[in-house]
N, C-alpha and C. Protein backbone atom coordinates (compact mmCIF):
# COMPACT_ATOMS: atom_id res chain seq x y z
N MET A 1 10.98 1.88 22.34
CA MET A 1 10.23 0.84 21.16
C MET A 1 11.55 0.01 20.06
N SER A 2 11.22 -0.92 19.75
CA SER A 2 12.38 -1.93 18.86
C SER A 2 12.01 -1.82 17.47
N LEU A 3 12.54 -2.21 16.64
CA LEU A 3 12.15 -2.92 15.02
C LEU A 3 12.38 -3.94 15.60
N VAL A 4 11.41 -5.38 15.32
CA VAL A 4 12.13 -6.54 15.82
C VAL A 4 12.08 -7.02 14.10
N TYR A 5 12.89 -7.36 13.69
CA TYR A 5 12.54 -9.00 12.42
C TYR A 5 12.59 -10.08 13.00
N SER A 6 11.89 -10.86 12.63
CA SER A 6 11.67 -12.68 13.43
C SER A 6 12.16 -13.33 11.92
N GLY A 7 12.27 -13.32 11.05
CA GLY A 7 12.52 -13.77 9.87
C GLY A 7 11.83 -15.27 9.08
N CYS A 8 10.35 -14.75 9.31
CA CYS A 8 9.53 -15.36 9.32
C CYS A 8 9.37 -16.05 7.96
N SER A 9 9.08 -16.58 7.72
CA SER A 9 8.96 -17.70 6.48
C SER A 9 8.02 -17.79 5.54
N SER A 10 8.02 -16.33 4.80
CA SER A 10 6.82 -15.88 3.43
C SER A 10 7.22 -16.03 3.17
N PRO A 11 6.60 -16.69 1.61
CA PRO A 11 6.96 -16.79 0.01
C PRO A 11 7.41 -15.65 -0.72
N ASP A 12 6.32 -14.23 -0.15
CA ASP A 12 7.17 -13.22 -0.72
C ASP A 12 8.46 -12.51 -0.36
N LEU A 13 9.23 -12.18 -1.10
CA LEU A 13 10.29 -11.10 -0.66
C LEU A 13 10.19 -10.23 -0.22
N PHE A 14 9.14 -9.65 0.09
CA PHE A 14 8.86 -8.59 1.10
C PHE A 14 7.04 -8.57 0.96
N THR A 15 6.75 -7.56 1.57
CA THR A 15 5.05 -7.18 1.61
C THR A 15 4.56 -6.08 1.79
N ALA A 16 4.08 -5.18 0.93
CA ALA A 16 3.49 -3.69 1.19
C ALA A 16 2.32 -3.88 1.38
N PHE A 17 1.79 -2.78 2.56
CA PHE A 17 0.51 -2.21 2.75
C PHE A 17 -0.05 -1.22 2.27
N SER A 18 -1.27 -1.08 1.59
CA SER A 18 -1.80 0.76 1.07
C SER A 18 -3.11 0.32 2.29
N ASP A 19 -2.96 2.04 2.17
CA ASP A 19 -4.60 2.21 2.82
C ASP A 19 -4.36 3.95 2.64
N THR A 20 -5.60 4.57 2.76
CA THR A 20 -6.34 6.04 2.75
C THR A 20 -7.39 5.79 3.18
N ASP A 21 -7.51 7.25 4.29
CA ASP A 21 -8.83 7.71 4.50
C ASP A 21 -9.09 8.80 3.44
N LEU A 22 -11.22 8.58 3.15
CA LEU A 22 -11.18 9.74 2.49
C LEU A 22 -12.10 10.72 2.80
N GLY A 23 -11.10 11.86 2.21
CA GLY A 23 -11.18 13.13 2.99
C GLY A 23 -10.84 13.10 4.51
N GLY A 24 -10.47 12.65 4.92
CA GLY A 24 -10.14 12.51 6.56
C GLY A 24 -9.48 13.77 7.14
N ASN A 25 -9.02 15.23 5.56
CA ASN A 25 -8.31 16.61 6.59
C ASN A 25 -9.09 17.08 6.81
N PRO A 26 -9.80 17.77 8.00
CA PRO A 26 -10.60 18.89 8.12
C PRO A 26 -10.80 19.70 7.41
N ASP A 27 -9.33 20.31 7.03
CA ASP A 27 -8.96 22.22 6.48
C ASP A 27 -9.81 22.25 5.47
N ASN A 28 -9.47 20.95 4.54
CA ASN A 28 -9.34 21.07 2.44
C ASN A 28 -9.88 19.38 2.61
N SER A 29 -10.53 18.42 3.03
CA SER A 29 -11.08 17.32 2.75
C SER A 29 -10.15 16.69 1.84
N ARG A 30 -8.45 16.44 2.26
CA ARG A 30 -7.83 15.88 1.09
C ARG A 30 -8.08 14.87 2.11
N SER A 31 -7.37 13.17 1.23
CA SER A 31 -6.67 12.06 1.65
C SER A 31 -5.71 11.97 2.41
N THR A 32 -5.43 11.08 3.44
CA THR A 32 -3.93 10.75 3.37
C THR A 32 -3.93 9.45 3.27
N GLY A 33 -2.69 9.18 2.19
CA GLY A 33 -2.56 7.73 1.95
C GLY A 33 -1.43 7.35 3.13
N GLY A 34 -1.22 5.88 3.74
CA GLY A 34 0.04 5.63 4.16
C GLY A 34 -0.42 4.01 3.75
N PHE A 35 1.33 3.79 3.67
CA PHE A 35 2.01 2.53 3.76
C PHE A 35 2.62 2.17 4.28
N ALA A 36 3.06 0.59 4.48
CA ALA A 36 4.40 0.09 5.22
C ALA A 36 4.43 -1.57 4.21
N ILE A 37 6.33 -0.84 4.28
CA ILE A 37 6.51 -2.55 3.17
C ILE A 37 7.80 -3.43 5.04
N CYS A 38 7.26 -4.28 4.94
CA CYS A 38 7.78 -5.38 5.57
C CYS A 38 8.75 -6.54 5.07
N ILE A 39 9.76 -6.57 5.75
CA ILE A 39 10.53 -7.61 5.15
C ILE A 39 10.67 -8.14 6.60
N GLY A 40 10.79 -9.72 6.39
CA GLY A 40 11.13 -10.58 7.78
C GLY A 40 9.86 -9.98 9.24
N GLY A 41 8.83 -10.34 8.92
CA GLY A 41 8.05 -9.56 10.38
C GLY A 41 7.98 -7.66 10.54
N GLY A 42 9.18 -7.07 9.89
CA GLY A 42 9.35 -5.88 10.12
C GLY A 42 9.29 -4.83 9.33
N ALA A 43 8.53 -3.79 9.63
CA ALA A 43 8.78 -2.56 8.78
C ALA A 43 10.41 -2.17 8.35
N VAL A 44 10.20 -2.36 7.26
CA VAL A 44 11.59 -1.32 6.44
C VAL A 44 11.41 -0.09 5.82
N GLN A 45 10.17 -0.13 5.17
CA GLN A 45 10.02 1.58 4.66
C GLN A 45 8.65 1.47 5.00
N TRP A 46 8.03 3.33 5.38
CA TRP A 46 6.50 3.14 5.77
C TRP A 46 6.42 4.89 5.62
N GLY A 47 5.67 5.45 5.60
CA GLY A 47 4.96 6.90 5.30
C GLY A 47 3.31 7.29 5.10
N SER A 48 3.38 8.53 5.37
CA SER A 48 1.93 8.62 4.62
C SER A 48 2.16 9.97 4.46
N GLN A 49 1.20 10.66 3.24
CA GLN A 49 1.37 11.47 2.75
C GLN A 49 -0.46 11.91 2.44
N LEU A 50 -0.34 13.29 2.13
CA LEU A 50 -1.76 14.15 2.03
C LEU A 50 -1.54 14.40 0.40
N HIS A 51 -2.71 13.84 -0.16
CA HIS A 51 -2.75 13.60 -1.19
C HIS A 51 -3.25 15.09 -1.70
N PRO A 52 -2.59 15.48 -2.73
CA PRO A 52 -2.53 16.65 -3.53
C PRO A 52 -3.78 17.68 -4.77
N HIS A 53 -4.84 16.33 -4.27
CA HIS A 53 -5.86 16.44 -4.78
C HIS A 53 -7.07 16.17 -4.12
N VAL A 54 -8.65 16.35 -4.18
CA VAL A 54 -9.09 16.16 -3.21
C VAL A 54 -10.45 15.07 -4.23
N SER A 55 -10.39 13.58 -3.57
CA SER A 55 -10.81 12.50 -4.24
C SER A 55 -12.64 12.51 -4.13
N LEU A 56 -12.87 12.28 -5.00
CA LEU A 56 -14.17 11.90 -5.71
C LEU A 56 -14.72 11.20 -5.08
N SER A 57 -13.98 9.96 -4.66
CA SER A 57 -14.13 8.72 -4.70
C SER A 57 -13.28 7.85 -3.81
N SER A 58 -13.85 6.76 -2.99
CA SER A 58 -13.28 5.94 -2.10
C SER A 58 -12.27 5.31 -3.22
N THR A 59 -12.36 4.64 -4.08
CA THR A 59 -11.98 4.13 -5.09
C THR A 59 -10.61 5.01 -6.06
N GLU A 60 -11.31 6.21 -5.85
CA GLU A 60 -10.28 7.04 -6.70
C GLU A 60 -9.00 7.29 -5.13
N SER A 61 -9.37 7.59 -4.12
CA SER A 61 -8.62 8.11 -3.16
C SER A 61 -7.55 6.51 -2.67
N GLU A 62 -8.40 5.12 -2.56
CA GLU A 62 -7.59 4.31 -2.47
C GLU A 62 -5.97 3.93 -4.03
N TYR A 63 -6.85 4.08 -4.81
CA TYR A 63 -5.85 3.66 -6.64
C TYR A 63 -5.10 4.75 -6.19
N THR A 64 -5.65 5.79 -5.86
CA THR A 64 -4.09 6.76 -5.82
C THR A 64 -3.20 6.52 -5.24
N THR A 65 -3.53 5.67 -3.60
CA THR A 65 -1.99 5.49 -2.90
C THR A 65 -1.55 4.50 -3.19
N VAL A 66 -2.42 3.38 -3.82
CA VAL A 66 -1.83 2.35 -4.59
C VAL A 66 -0.84 2.78 -5.55
N SER A 67 -1.15 3.48 -6.20
CA SER A 67 -0.01 3.75 -7.64
C SER A 67 1.28 4.44 -6.88
N LYS A 68 1.27 5.12 -5.52
CA LYS A 68 2.32 6.06 -5.48
C LYS A 68 2.84 4.52 -4.37
N VAL A 69 1.72 3.99 -3.72
CA VAL A 69 3.28 2.61 -3.40
C VAL A 69 3.41 2.08 -3.90
N GLY A 70 2.83 1.70 -5.65
CA GLY A 70 3.38 0.75 -6.46
C GLY A 70 5.35 1.56 -6.89
N CYS A 71 5.40 2.55 -6.74
CA CYS A 71 6.76 2.93 -6.80
C CYS A 71 7.45 2.97 -5.95
N LYS A 72 6.92 2.94 -4.70
CA LYS A 72 8.14 2.40 -3.74
C LYS A 72 8.26 0.61 -4.01
N VAL A 73 7.58 0.19 -3.94
CA VAL A 73 7.99 -1.32 -4.21
C VAL A 73 8.66 -1.77 -5.46
N MET A 74 8.80 -0.54 -6.88
CA MET A 74 9.77 -0.66 -7.80
C MET A 74 11.00 -0.61 -7.36
N TRP A 75 10.99 0.29 -6.47
CA TRP A 75 12.42 0.79 -5.92
C TRP A 75 13.28 0.03 -5.03
N MET A 76 12.14 -0.54 -4.69
CA MET A 76 12.39 -1.69 -3.48
C MET A 76 12.62 -2.97 -4.28
N ARG A 77 12.20 -3.50 -5.49
CA ARG A 77 12.12 -4.79 -6.07
C ARG A 77 13.99 -4.18 -6.67
N TYR A 78 14.05 -2.73 -7.18
CA TYR A 78 15.27 -2.85 -8.04
C TYR A 78 16.48 -2.67 -7.04
N LEU A 79 16.21 -2.67 -5.84
CA LEU A 79 17.17 -2.72 -4.12
C LEU A 79 17.71 -3.88 -4.22
N LEU A 80 16.63 -4.93 -3.78
CA LEU A 80 16.36 -6.10 -3.81
C LEU A 80 18.17 -6.95 -4.81
N GLY A 81 16.92 -6.64 -6.20
CA GLY A 81 17.49 -7.41 -6.88
C GLY A 81 19.31 -6.64 -7.51
N LYS A 82 19.80 -5.76 -7.02
CA LYS A 82 20.98 -5.14 -7.10
C LYS A 82 21.31 -5.57 -6.26
N PHE A 83 21.10 -6.38 -4.90
CA PHE A 83 21.77 -7.37 -3.58
C PHE A 83 21.68 -8.45 -4.12
N GLY A 84 21.76 -9.24 -5.64
CA GLY A 84 20.98 -10.73 -6.10
C GLY A 84 19.66 -11.13 -5.68
N TYR A 85 19.14 -10.87 -5.28
CA TYR A 85 17.56 -11.40 -4.96
C TYR A 85 16.71 -11.84 -6.04
N ASP A 86 15.94 -12.91 -5.82
CA ASP A 86 15.14 -13.03 -7.65
C ASP A 86 14.04 -12.31 -7.07
N THR A 87 14.11 -11.47 -7.64
CA THR A 87 12.47 -10.25 -8.00
C THR A 87 11.45 -10.80 -9.07
N SER A 88 11.67 -12.20 -9.65
CA SER A 88 11.18 -12.69 -10.82
C SER A 88 9.49 -12.77 -10.35
N CYS A 89 9.36 -13.01 -9.44
CA CYS A 89 7.94 -12.71 -8.67
C CYS A 89 7.33 -11.83 -8.44
N PRO A 90 5.63 -11.95 -8.58
CA PRO A 90 4.72 -10.49 -8.60
C PRO A 90 5.38 -10.11 -7.09
N SER A 91 5.23 -9.02 -6.63
CA SER A 91 5.38 -8.35 -5.10
C SER A 91 4.28 -7.48 -4.94
N PRO A 92 3.28 -8.48 -3.86
CA PRO A 92 2.62 -7.71 -3.42
C PRO A 92 2.53 -6.87 -2.42
N ILE A 93 1.28 -6.29 -2.57
CA ILE A 93 0.31 -4.81 -2.26
C ILE A 93 -0.75 -5.07 -1.86
N LEU A 94 -0.96 -5.26 -1.04
CA LEU A 94 -2.17 -5.71 -0.13
C LEU A 94 -3.27 -4.74 0.40
N VAL A 95 -4.36 -4.39 0.08
CA VAL A 95 -5.07 -3.40 -0.06
C VAL A 95 -6.42 -3.59 0.47
N ASP A 96 -7.39 -2.75 1.09
CA ASP A 96 -8.81 -2.96 1.52
C ASP A 96 -9.65 -2.16 1.09
N ASN A 97 -9.35 -2.20 -0.11
CA ASN A 97 -10.87 -1.45 -1.06
C ASN A 97 -10.88 -2.40 -2.57
N ALA A 98 -11.66 -3.07 -2.29
CA ALA A 98 -12.04 -3.93 -3.52
C ALA A 98 -12.20 -3.77 -5.02
N SER A 99 -12.87 -2.27 -4.69
CA SER A 99 -12.53 -1.52 -6.28
C SER A 99 -11.55 -1.14 -6.73
N ALA A 100 -10.60 -0.52 -5.91
CA ALA A 100 -9.46 0.07 -6.58
C ALA A 100 -8.71 -1.16 -6.62
N ILE A 101 -8.48 -2.33 -6.17
CA ILE A 101 -7.54 -3.53 -6.79
C ILE A 101 -8.41 -3.96 -7.93
N GLN A 102 -9.82 -3.63 -8.38
CA GLN A 102 -10.24 -3.90 -9.63
C GLN A 102 -9.71 -3.29 -10.86
N VAL A 103 -9.55 -2.05 -10.44
CA VAL A 103 -9.21 -0.83 -11.53
C VAL A 103 -8.08 -0.56 -11.60
N ALA A 104 -6.96 -1.07 -10.75
CA ALA A 104 -5.49 -1.99 -10.71
C ALA A 104 -5.25 -2.97 -11.48
N ARG A 105 -6.35 -3.95 -11.78
CA ARG A 105 -5.76 -5.12 -12.02
C ARG A 105 -6.50 -5.06 -13.77
N HIS A 106 -7.62 -4.17 -14.14
CA HIS A 106 -8.44 -4.87 -14.77
C HIS A 106 -8.88 -3.05 -16.20
N PRO A 107 -7.71 -2.95 -17.04
CA PRO A 107 -7.74 -1.90 -17.53
C PRO A 107 -9.75 -1.45 -18.37
N GLU A 108 -10.28 -2.65 -17.86
CA GLU A 108 -11.74 -2.30 -18.72
C GLU A 108 -12.55 -1.55 -17.77
N HIS A 109 -12.33 -1.27 -16.68
CA HIS A 109 -12.62 -0.46 -15.52
C HIS A 109 -12.29 1.27 -15.45
N GLN A 110 -11.83 1.29 -17.01
CA GLN A 110 -11.06 2.78 -16.94
C GLN A 110 -12.06 3.65 -17.15
N SER A 111 -13.74 3.55 -17.46
CA SER A 111 -14.50 4.41 -18.28
C SER A 111 -15.30 5.00 -16.77
N THR A 112 -15.06 4.42 -15.38
CA THR A 112 -15.68 4.67 -13.90
C THR A 112 -14.43 5.43 -13.10
N MET A 113 -12.90 5.75 -14.04
CA MET A 113 -11.99 6.46 -13.41
C MET A 113 -11.48 7.30 -14.93
N LYS A 114 -12.11 7.72 -15.46
CA LYS A 114 -11.37 8.77 -16.41
C LYS A 114 -10.83 10.36 -15.68
N HIS A 115 -11.66 10.44 -14.84
CA HIS A 115 -10.86 11.84 -13.92
C HIS A 115 -10.10 11.72 -13.32
N VAL A 116 -9.81 10.32 -13.33
CA VAL A 116 -8.52 10.09 -12.18
C VAL A 116 -7.00 10.53 -13.47
N HIS A 117 -5.95 11.27 -12.81
CA HIS A 117 -4.80 11.54 -13.77
C HIS A 117 -4.18 10.42 -13.99
N CYS A 118 -3.65 10.21 -15.53
CA CYS A 118 -3.09 9.43 -16.09
C CYS A 118 -1.86 8.82 -15.49
N ALA A 119 -1.05 9.45 -14.73
CA ALA A 119 0.16 8.94 -14.20
C ALA A 119 0.10 8.21 -12.80
N TYR A 120 -1.12 7.90 -12.56
CA TYR A 120 -1.72 6.84 -11.38
C TYR A 120 -1.95 5.45 -12.65
N HIS A 121 -2.39 5.55 -13.47
CA HIS A 121 -2.76 4.79 -14.30
C HIS A 121 -1.30 3.54 -13.81
N TRP A 122 -0.17 4.15 -14.07
CA TRP A 122 1.15 2.88 -14.83
C TRP A 122 0.72 1.77 -13.71
N ILE A 123 0.08 2.09 -12.52
CA ILE A 123 0.69 0.92 -11.67
C ILE A 123 -0.27 -0.40 -13.15
N ARG A 124 -1.64 0.11 -13.43
CA ARG A 124 -1.74 -1.31 -14.07
C ARG A 124 -0.54 -1.62 -14.89
N ASP A 125 0.21 -1.39 -16.06
CA ASP A 125 0.78 -2.17 -16.63
C ASP A 125 1.85 -3.10 -16.16
N HIS A 126 2.49 -2.64 -14.58
CA HIS A 126 3.35 -3.65 -13.83
C HIS A 126 2.46 -4.46 -13.48
N VAL A 127 1.54 -4.73 -13.15
CA VAL A 127 0.47 -5.59 -12.57
C VAL A 127 0.74 -6.32 -13.55
N GLU A 128 0.19 -6.08 -15.18
CA GLU A 128 -0.22 -7.04 -16.26
C GLU A 128 1.20 -7.64 -16.14
N GLN A 129 2.27 -6.71 -16.21
CA GLN A 129 3.54 -7.45 -16.21
C GLN A 129 4.26 -8.11 -15.43
N GLY A 130 3.47 -8.38 -13.92
CA GLY A 130 3.83 -9.11 -13.45
C GLY A 130 5.18 -8.66 -11.90
N ASP A 131 5.31 -7.30 -12.46
CA ASP A 131 6.11 -6.82 -11.24
C ASP A 131 5.69 -7.01 -10.05
N MET A 132 4.29 -6.59 -10.04
CA MET A 132 3.77 -6.29 -8.74
C MET A 132 1.98 -6.97 -8.54
N SER A 133 1.61 -7.42 -7.50
CA SER A 133 0.09 -8.14 -7.52
C SER A 133 -0.57 -7.16 -6.58
N VAL A 134 -1.47 -7.01 -6.79
CA VAL A 134 -2.49 -6.37 -6.18
C VAL A 134 -3.94 -7.06 -5.41
N THR A 135 -3.65 -7.22 -4.06
CA THR A 135 -4.61 -8.14 -3.35
C THR A 135 -5.35 -7.66 -1.73
N HIS A 136 -6.69 -8.20 -2.09
CA HIS A 136 -7.01 -7.98 -0.59
C HIS A 136 -6.77 -8.28 0.35
N VAL A 137 -6.60 -7.26 1.52
CA VAL A 137 -6.46 -7.56 3.02
C VAL A 137 -7.53 -6.58 3.77
N PRO A 138 -8.31 -7.51 4.60
CA PRO A 138 -9.59 -7.27 5.53
C PRO A 138 -8.62 -5.81 6.02
N GLY A 139 -9.83 -4.55 6.45
CA GLY A 139 -9.09 -3.23 7.12
C GLY A 139 -8.56 -3.70 8.58
N SER A 140 -9.11 -5.52 9.15
CA SER A 140 -8.91 -5.00 10.21
C SER A 140 -7.52 -5.75 10.37
N GLU A 141 -7.10 -6.11 9.22
CA GLU A 141 -5.16 -6.61 9.00
C GLU A 141 -4.90 -5.82 8.37
N ASN A 142 -4.72 -4.71 8.11
CA ASN A 142 -3.81 -3.94 7.53
C ASN A 142 -3.08 -2.92 8.47
N PRO A 143 -2.07 -2.57 8.67
CA PRO A 143 -1.05 -1.62 9.08
C PRO A 143 -1.07 -0.71 8.66
N ALA A 144 -0.89 -0.58 7.35
CA ALA A 144 -1.62 0.87 7.41
C ALA A 144 -1.84 1.44 7.04
N ASP A 145 -3.48 0.86 8.29
CA ASP A 145 -4.30 1.90 8.61
C ASP A 145 -3.55 2.98 9.43
N ILE A 146 -2.17 2.63 10.51
CA ILE A 146 -1.70 2.92 11.41
C ILE A 146 -1.55 4.71 11.10
N PHE A 147 -1.05 4.78 10.07
CA PHE A 147 -0.65 5.76 9.46
C PHE A 147 -1.41 7.14 8.83
N THR A 148 -2.71 6.53 8.47
CA THR A 148 -3.70 7.60 8.27
C THR A 148 -4.80 8.18 8.88
N LYS A 149 -5.47 7.57 10.31
CA LYS A 149 -6.26 7.99 11.10
C LYS A 149 -6.43 7.61 12.34
N PRO A 150 -6.39 8.18 13.47
CA PRO A 150 -6.15 8.07 14.67
C PRO A 150 -7.23 6.74 14.98
N LEU A 151 -6.27 5.79 16.07
CA LEU A 151 -6.88 4.41 16.09
C LEU A 151 -7.22 4.54 17.53
N GLY A 152 -8.59 3.28 17.70
CA GLY A 152 -8.38 2.82 19.63
C GLY A 152 -6.76 2.10 19.98
N ARG A 153 -6.97 2.28 21.33
CA ARG A 153 -6.12 1.62 21.41
C ARG A 153 -5.72 -0.22 21.22
N VAL A 154 -6.53 -1.13 21.21
CA VAL A 154 -6.48 -2.04 20.71
C VAL A 154 -6.12 -2.58 19.39
N LYS A 155 -6.35 -1.37 18.65
CA LYS A 155 -6.18 -1.45 17.50
C LYS A 155 -4.63 -1.12 17.02
N PHE A 156 -4.79 0.14 17.80
CA PHE A 156 -3.51 0.67 17.62
C PHE A 156 -2.01 -0.21 17.98
N ALA A 157 -2.76 -1.14 18.65
CA ALA A 157 -1.02 -1.89 19.78
C ALA A 157 -1.39 -3.08 18.59
N LYS A 158 -2.42 -3.99 18.29
CA LYS A 158 -2.07 -5.01 17.21
C LYS A 158 -1.14 -4.79 16.18
N PHE A 159 -1.15 -2.86 15.21
CA PHE A 159 -0.70 -2.83 13.63
C PHE A 159 0.63 -2.40 14.38
N ARG A 160 0.93 -2.17 15.50
CA ARG A 160 2.23 -1.56 15.94
C ARG A 160 2.98 -3.01 16.15
N VAL A 161 2.53 -4.05 16.52
CA VAL A 161 3.28 -5.60 16.20
C VAL A 161 3.67 -6.20 15.27
N MET A 162 2.33 -5.73 14.26
CA MET A 162 2.38 -6.61 13.07
C MET A 162 3.62 -5.54 11.96
N LEU A 163 3.81 -4.43 12.45
CA LEU A 163 5.20 -3.98 11.76
C LEU A 163 6.29 -4.09 12.03
N GLY A 164 6.12 -4.86 13.39
CA GLY A 164 7.94 -5.67 13.71
C GLY A 164 7.83 -4.67 15.12
N LEU A 165 7.06 -3.75 15.40
CA LEU A 165 7.53 -2.75 17.09
C LEU A 165 7.53 -3.47 17.91
N ARG A 166 8.17 -3.65 18.73
CA ARG A 166 8.48 -4.50 20.09
C ARG A 166 9.03 -3.36 21.33
N GLY A 167 8.15 -3.67 22.89
CA GLY A 167 8.81 -2.44 23.92
C GLY A 167 9.52 -3.27 24.57
């Protein structure tokens, strides 16, 4: 397999995908968060990580991952800015959980997320400042799913291609 970059014409400098499985670890019920950052039709940064805590809801689990992915997005914006690229437009983070998107966009949803550690709420400031946007992507179109759970052959092959992996 090789990573192939197609130079596709996207209005965004790069696109980040975020996904989480809720309590998928059978040993401790912790969630696994996964992400991929793609430029030119291929992944340039990706990974998965077990959450340090047990989440009480899918919203909390996805929101925690989005916040961690936001850190990666800010680093990518900084790096590309140093290379001379225009980073004035928000960088998209695509998420398949509508509730997590609402919590990231609107501070008035704070009352339902009071139990979430305040370190994860910094993403709201960056969304408000226009550094990034958190938008919806259907789960069937979210290649970060490949990093969070076992997938069937067809879905795995589809997401592998979406990440730029070709055989």
